[in-house]
Amino acid sequence: MMNHKETKDTKRSDELSNLIIGAAIEVHRHLGPGLLESAYEECLLINFNVPIVKQGIRRIVN
């Protein structure tokens, strides 16, 4: 098991990950299952009006 040092960057990364995952879960709750991935992506991007987050989400989805 690798032991990593908790740094400001890892904390920030964890917070950002939690924010994005939470938003994705919320979008899925509102839209429900069975839609195309692009529908979820567009709704998720509406929640994040920050260009760098949008680029990251698009990289993950694509």
PDB file of N, CA and C in Angstrom:
ATOM      1  N   MET A   1       0.837  -1.180   0.000  1.00  0.00           N
ATOM      2  CA  MET A   1       0.000   0.000   0.000  1.00  0.00           C
ATOM      3  C   MET A   1       0.882   1.244   0.000  1.00  0.00           C
ATOM      4  N   MET A   2       0.592   2.147  -0.896  1.00  0.00           N
ATOM      5  CA  MET A   2       1.398   3.342  -1.016  1.00  0.00           C
ATOM      6  C   MET A   2       0.894   4.412  -0.048  1.00  0.00           C
ATOM      7  N   ASN A   3       1.795   5.006   0.684  1.00  0.00           N
ATOM      8  CA  ASN A   3       1.446   6.070   1.611  1.00  0.00           C
ATOM      9  C   ASN A   3       1.799   7.394   0.958  1.00  0.00           C
ATOM     10  N   HIS A   4       0.805   8.242   0.736  1.00  0.00           N
ATOM     11  CA  HIS A   4       1.098   9.521   0.105  1.00  0.00           C
ATOM     12  C   HIS A   4       0.904  10.655   1.097  1.00  0.00           C
ATOM     13  N   LYS A   5       1.669  11.660   0.887  1.00  0.00           N
ATOM     14  CA  LYS A   5       1.639  12.830   1.742  1.00  0.00           C
ATOM     15  C   LYS A   5       0.456  13.707   1.336  1.00  0.00           C
ATOM     16  N   GLU A   6      -0.362  14.066   2.306  1.00  0.00           N
ATOM     17  CA  GLU A   6      -1.507  14.936   2.044  1.00  0.00           C
ATOM     18  C   GLU A   6      -0.984  16.346   1.764  1.00  0.00           C
ATOM     19  N   THR A   7      -1.221  16.822   0.570  1.00  0.00           N
ATOM     20  CA  THR A   7      -0.742  18.149   0.191  1.00  0.00           C
ATOM     21  C   THR A   7      -1.923  19.037  -0.153  1.00  0.00           C
ATOM     22  N   LYS A   8      -1.623  20.308  -0.327  1.00  0.00           N
ATOM     23  CA  LYS A   8      -2.656  21.258  -0.703  1.00  0.00           C
ATOM     24  C   LYS A   8      -3.270  20.868  -2.051  1.00  0.00           C
ATOM     25  N   ASP A   9      -2.433  20.371  -2.974  1.00  0.00           N
ATOM     26  CA  ASP A   9      -2.921  19.961  -4.292  1.00  0.00           C
ATOM     27  C   ASP A   9      -3.846  18.753  -4.215  1.00  0.00           C
ATOM     28  N   THR A  10      -3.503  17.763  -3.382  1.00  0.00           N
ATOM     29  CA  THR A  10      -4.367  16.580  -3.281  1.00  0.00           C
ATOM     30  C   THR A  10      -5.684  16.936  -2.613  1.00  0.00           C
ATOM     31  N   LYS A  11      -5.646  17.814  -1.639  1.00  0.00           N
ATOM     32  CA  LYS A  11      -6.895  18.246  -0.999  1.00  0.00           C
ATOM     33  C   LYS A  11      -7.777  18.979  -2.005  1.00  0.00           C
ATOM     34  N   ARG A  12      -7.169  19.853  -2.785  1.00  0.00           N
ATOM     35  CA  ARG A  12      -7.923  20.604  -3.785  1.00  0.00           C
ATOM     36  C   ARG A  12      -8.489  19.668  -4.844  1.00  0.00           C
ATOM     37  N   SER A  13      -7.688  18.702  -5.262  1.00  0.00           N
ATOM     38  CA  SER A  13      -8.136  17.727  -6.243  1.00  0.00           C
ATOM     39  C   SER A  13      -9.299  16.898  -5.699  1.00  0.00           C
ATOM     40  N   ASP A  14      -9.195  16.482  -4.445  1.00  0.00           N
ATOM     41  CA  ASP A  14     -10.276  15.718  -3.820  1.00  0.00           C
ATOM     42  C   ASP A  14     -11.565  16.540  -3.733  1.00  0.00           C
ATOM     43  N   GLU A  15     -11.433  17.810  -3.376  1.00  0.00           N
ATOM     44  CA  GLU A  15     -12.604  18.677  -3.280  1.00  0.00           C
ATOM     45  C   GLU A  15     -13.260  18.852  -4.645  1.00  0.00           C
ATOM     46  N   LEU A  16     -12.444  19.049  -5.670  1.00  0.00           N
ATOM     47  CA  LEU A  16     -12.970  19.210  -7.023  1.00  0.00           C
ATOM     48  C   LEU A  16     -13.644  17.925  -7.499  1.00  0.00           C
ATOM     49  N   SER A  17     -13.025  16.799  -7.213  1.00  0.00           N
ATOM     50  CA  SER A  17     -13.620  15.508  -7.589  1.00  0.00           C
ATOM     51  C   SER A  17     -14.962  15.314  -6.917  1.00  0.00           C
ATOM     52  N   ASN A  18     -15.033  15.617  -5.630  1.00  0.00           N
ATOM     53  CA  ASN A  18     -16.293  15.482  -4.900  1.00  0.00           C
ATOM     54  C   ASN A  18     -17.362  16.408  -5.460  1.00  0.00           C
ATOM     55  N   LEU A  19     -16.986  17.620  -5.826  1.00  0.00           N
ATOM     56  CA  LEU A  19     -17.921  18.576  -6.405  1.00  0.00           C
ATOM     57  C   LEU A  19     -18.476  18.062  -7.731  1.00  0.00           C
ATOM     58  N   ILE A  20     -17.612  17.565  -8.581  1.00  0.00           N
ATOM     59  CA  ILE A  20     -18.034  17.078  -9.900  1.00  0.00           C
ATOM     60  C   ILE A  20     -18.889  15.820  -9.779  1.00  0.00           C
ATOM     61  N   ILE A  21     -18.488  14.895  -8.940  1.00  0.00           N
ATOM     62  CA  ILE A  21     -19.263  13.664  -8.755  1.00  0.00           C
ATOM     63  C   ILE A  21     -20.630  13.975  -8.164  1.00  0.00           C
ATOM     64  N   GLY A  22     -20.657  14.879  -7.182  1.00  0.00           N
ATOM     65  CA  GLY A  22     -21.936  15.276  -6.588  1.00  0.00           C
ATOM     66  C   GLY A  22     -22.867  15.899  -7.611  1.00  0.00           C
ATOM     67  N   ALA A  23     -22.315  16.753  -8.473  1.00  0.00           N
ATOM     68  CA  ALA A  23     -23.128  17.385  -9.516  1.00  0.00           C
ATOM     69  C   ALA A  23     -23.629  16.347 -10.517  1.00  0.00           C
ATOM     70  N   ALA A  24     -22.776  15.390 -10.861  1.00  0.00           N
ATOM     71  CA  ALA A  24     -23.193  14.334 -11.801  1.00  0.00           C
ATOM     72  C   ALA A  24     -24.331  13.496 -11.217  1.00  0.00           C
ATOM     73  N   ILE A  25     -24.238  13.186  -9.954  1.00  0.00           N
ATOM     74  CA  ILE A  25     -25.306  12.422  -9.294  1.00  0.00           C
ATOM     75  C   ILE A  25     -26.604  13.225  -9.279  1.00  0.00           C
ATOM     76  N   GLU A  26     -26.498  14.505  -8.994  1.00  0.00           N
ATOM     77  CA  GLU A  26     -27.684  15.369  -8.968  1.00  0.00           C
ATOM     78  C   GLU A  26     -28.338  15.457 -10.345  1.00  0.00           C
ATOM     79  N   VAL A  27     -27.542  15.607 -11.396  1.00  0.00           N
ATOM     80  CA  VAL A  27     -28.076  15.645 -12.763  1.00  0.00           C
ATOM     81  C   VAL A  27     -28.776  14.326 -13.073  1.00  0.00           C
ATOM     82  N   HIS A  28     -28.171  13.205 -12.712  1.00  0.00           N
ATOM     83  CA  HIS A  28     -28.774  11.906 -12.985  1.00  0.00           C
ATOM     84  C   HIS A  28     -30.083  11.736 -12.216  1.00  0.00           C
ATOM     85  N   ARG A  29     -30.138  12.229 -10.999  1.00  0.00           N
ATOM     86  CA  ARG A  29     -31.383  12.156 -10.215  1.00  0.00           C
ATOM     87  C   ARG A  29     -32.513  12.918 -10.899  1.00  0.00           C
ATOM     88  N   HIS A  30     -32.185  14.088 -11.450  1.00  0.00           N
ATOM     89  CA  HIS A  30     -33.212  14.913 -12.093  1.00  0.00           C
ATOM     90  C   HIS A  30     -33.636  14.362 -13.445  1.00  0.00           C
ATOM     91  N   LEU A  31     -32.685  13.849 -14.221  1.00  0.00           N
ATOM     92  CA  LEU A  31     -33.001  13.372 -15.571  1.00  0.00           C
ATOM     93  C   LEU A  31     -33.448  11.914 -15.596  1.00  0.00           C
ATOM     94  N   GLY A  32     -32.933  11.130 -14.654  1.00  0.00           N
ATOM     95  CA  GLY A  32     -33.239   9.711 -14.646  1.00  0.00           C
ATOM     96  C   GLY A  32     -32.353   8.936 -15.612  1.00  0.00           C
ATOM     97  N   PRO A  33     -32.493   7.628 -15.619  1.00  0.00           N
ATOM     98  CA  PRO A  33     -31.644   6.784 -16.467  1.00  0.00           C
ATOM     99  C   PRO A  33     -32.149   6.720 -17.909  1.00  0.00           C
ATOM    100  N   GLY A  34     -31.275   6.252 -18.792  1.00  0.00           N
ATOM    101  CA  GLY A  34     -31.696   5.908 -20.138  1.00  0.00           C
ATOM    102  C   GLY A  34     -31.455   6.946 -21.210  1.00  0.00           C
ATOM    103  N   LEU A  35     -30.924   8.107 -20.864  1.00  0.00           N
ATOM    104  CA  LEU A  35     -30.667   9.122 -21.883  1.00  0.00           C
ATOM    105  C   LEU A  35     -29.277   8.928 -22.479  1.00  0.00           C
ATOM    106  N   LEU A  36     -29.049   9.582 -23.586  1.00  0.00           N
ATOM    107  CA  LEU A  36     -27.719   9.559 -24.179  1.00  0.00           C
ATOM    108  C   LEU A  36     -26.750  10.326 -23.275  1.00  0.00           C
ATOM    109  N   GLU A  37     -25.507   9.916 -23.321  1.00  0.00           N
ATOM    110  CA  GLU A  37     -24.469  10.546 -22.500  1.00  0.00           C
ATOM    111  C   GLU A  37     -24.381  12.042 -22.749  1.00  0.00           C
ATOM    112  N   SER A  38     -24.611  12.456 -23.987  1.00  0.00           N
ATOM    113  CA  SER A  38     -24.512  13.877 -24.331  1.00  0.00           C
ATOM    114  C   SER A  38     -25.546  14.718 -23.586  1.00  0.00           C
ATOM    115  N   ALA A  39     -26.709  14.169 -23.301  1.00  0.00           N
ATOM    116  CA  ALA A  39     -27.730  14.904 -22.541  1.00  0.00           C
ATOM    117  C   ALA A  39     -27.249  15.160 -21.119  1.00  0.00           C
ATOM    118  N   TYR A  40     -26.667  14.154 -20.496  1.00  0.00           N
ATOM    119  CA  TYR A  40     -26.135  14.322 -19.144  1.00  0.00           C
ATOM    120  C   TYR A  40     -24.974  15.311 -19.150  1.00  0.00           C
ATOM    121  N   GLU A  41     -24.129  15.212 -20.177  1.00  0.00           N
ATOM    122  CA  GLU A  41     -22.972  16.101 -20.285  1.00  0.00           C
ATOM    123  C   GLU A  41     -23.412  17.556 -20.377  1.00  0.00           C
ATOM    124  N   GLU A  42     -24.367  17.851 -21.246  1.00  0.00           N
ATOM    125  CA  GLU A  42     -24.824  19.235 -21.412  1.00  0.00           C
ATOM    126  C   GLU A  42     -25.425  19.778 -20.116  1.00  0.00           C
ATOM    127  N   CYS A  43     -26.208  18.984 -19.438  1.00  0.00           N
ATOM    128  CA  CYS A  43     -26.801  19.432 -18.171  1.00  0.00           C
ATOM    129  C   CYS A  43     -25.730  19.632 -17.111  1.00  0.00           C
ATOM    130  N   LEU A  44     -24.749  18.777 -17.088  1.00  0.00           N
ATOM    131  CA  LEU A  44     -23.655  18.914 -16.129  1.00  0.00           C
ATOM    132  C   LEU A  44     -22.851  20.177 -16.416  1.00  0.00           C
ATOM    133  N   LEU A  45     -22.624  20.464 -17.678  1.00  0.00           N
ATOM    134  CA  LEU A  45     -21.864  21.657 -18.035  1.00  0.00           C
ATOM    135  C   LEU A  45     -22.599  22.939 -17.669  1.00  0.00           C
ATOM    136  N   ILE A  46     -23.912  22.909 -17.660  1.00  0.00           N
ATOM    137  CA  ILE A  46     -24.686  24.077 -17.240  1.00  0.00           C
ATOM    138  C   ILE A  46     -24.381  24.397 -15.780  1.00  0.00           C
ATOM    139  N   ASN A  47     -24.183  23.361 -14.960  1.00  0.00           N
ATOM    140  CA  ASN A  47     -23.883  23.564 -13.544  1.00  0.00           C
ATOM    141  C   ASN A  47     -22.518  24.195 -13.330  1.00  0.00           C
ATOM    142  N   PHE A  48     -21.598  23.990 -14.242  1.00  0.00           N
ATOM    143  CA  PHE A  48     -20.243  24.507 -14.101  1.00  0.00           C
ATOM    144  C   PHE A  48     -19.990  25.555 -15.166  1.00  0.00           C
ATOM    145  N   ASN A  49     -20.040  26.798 -14.772  1.00  0.00           N
ATOM    146  CA  ASN A  49     -19.807  27.880 -15.719  1.00  0.00           C
ATOM    147  C   ASN A  49     -18.356  28.339 -15.630  1.00  0.00           C
ATOM    148  N   VAL A  50     -17.451  27.387 -15.485  1.00  0.00           N
ATOM    149  CA  VAL A  50     -16.023  27.666 -15.393  1.00  0.00           C
ATOM    150  C   VAL A  50     -15.352  26.914 -16.538  1.00  0.00           C
ATOM    151  N   PRO A  51     -14.712  27.627 -17.461  1.00  0.00           N
ATOM    152  CA  PRO A  51     -14.159  26.978 -18.658  1.00  0.00           C
ATOM    153  C   PRO A  51     -13.230  25.801 -18.378  1.00  0.00           C
ATOM    154  N   ILE A  52     -12.343  25.895 -17.381  1.00  0.00           N
ATOM    155  CA  ILE A  52     -11.397  24.802 -17.129  1.00  0.00           C
ATOM    156  C   ILE A  52     -12.126  23.538 -16.668  1.00  0.00           C
ATOM    157  N   VAL A  53     -13.189  23.695 -15.903  1.00  0.00           N
ATOM    158  CA  VAL A  53     -13.972  22.530 -15.463  1.00  0.00           C
ATOM    159  C   VAL A  53     -14.681  21.926 -16.664  1.00  0.00           C
ATOM    160  N   LYS A  54     -15.214  22.766 -17.523  1.00  0.00           N
ATOM    161  CA  LYS A  54     -15.901  22.270 -18.717  1.00  0.00           C
ATOM    162  C   LYS A  54     -14.935  21.479 -19.593  1.00  0.00           C
ATOM    163  N   GLN A  55     -13.715  21.973 -19.764  1.00  0.00           N
ATOM    164  CA  GLN A  55     -12.734  21.254 -20.576  1.00  0.00           C
ATOM    165  C   GLN A  55     -12.410  19.917 -19.963  1.00  0.00           C
ATOM    166  N   GLY A  56     -12.261  19.868 -18.655  1.00  0.00           N
ATOM    167  CA  GLY A  56     -11.964  18.612 -17.970  1.00  0.00           C
ATOM    168  C   GLY A  56     -13.088  17.606 -18.104  1.00  0.00           C
ATOM    169  N   ILE A  57     -14.315  18.072 -17.973  1.00  0.00           N
ATOM    170  CA  ILE A  57     -15.476  17.186 -18.102  1.00  0.00           C
ATOM    171  C   ILE A  57     -15.552  16.652 -19.529  1.00  0.00           C
ATOM    172  N   ARG A  58     -15.349  17.500 -20.503  1.00  0.00           N
ATOM    173  CA  ARG A  58     -15.411  17.060 -21.893  1.00  0.00           C
ATOM    174  C   ARG A  58     -14.312  16.014 -22.172  1.00  0.00           C
ATOM    175  N   ARG A  59     -13.136  16.166 -21.580  1.00  0.00           N
ATOM    176  CA  ARG A  59     -12.067  15.189 -21.765  1.00  0.00           C
ATOM    177  C   ARG A  59     -12.463  13.845 -21.155  1.00  0.00           C
ATOM    178  N   ILE A  60     -13.095  13.870 -19.997  1.00  0.00           N
ATOM    179  CA  ILE A  60     -13.494  12.637 -19.322  1.00  0.00           C
ATOM    180  C   ILE A  60     -14.575  11.931 -20.128  1.00  0.00           C
ATOM    181  N   VAL A  61     -15.560  12.693 -20.613  1.00  0.00           N
ATOM    182  CA  VAL A  61     -16.678  12.111 -21.341  1.00  0.00           C
ATOM    183  C   VAL A  61     -16.253  11.595 -22.708  1.00  0.00           C
ATOM    184  N   ASN A  62     -15.410  12.346 -23.367  1.00  0.00           N
ATOM    185  CA  ASN A  62     -14.972  11.953 -24.703  1.00  0.00           C
ATOM    186  C   ASN A  62     -13.823  11.008 -24.556  1.00  0.00           C
TER     187      ASN A  62
END
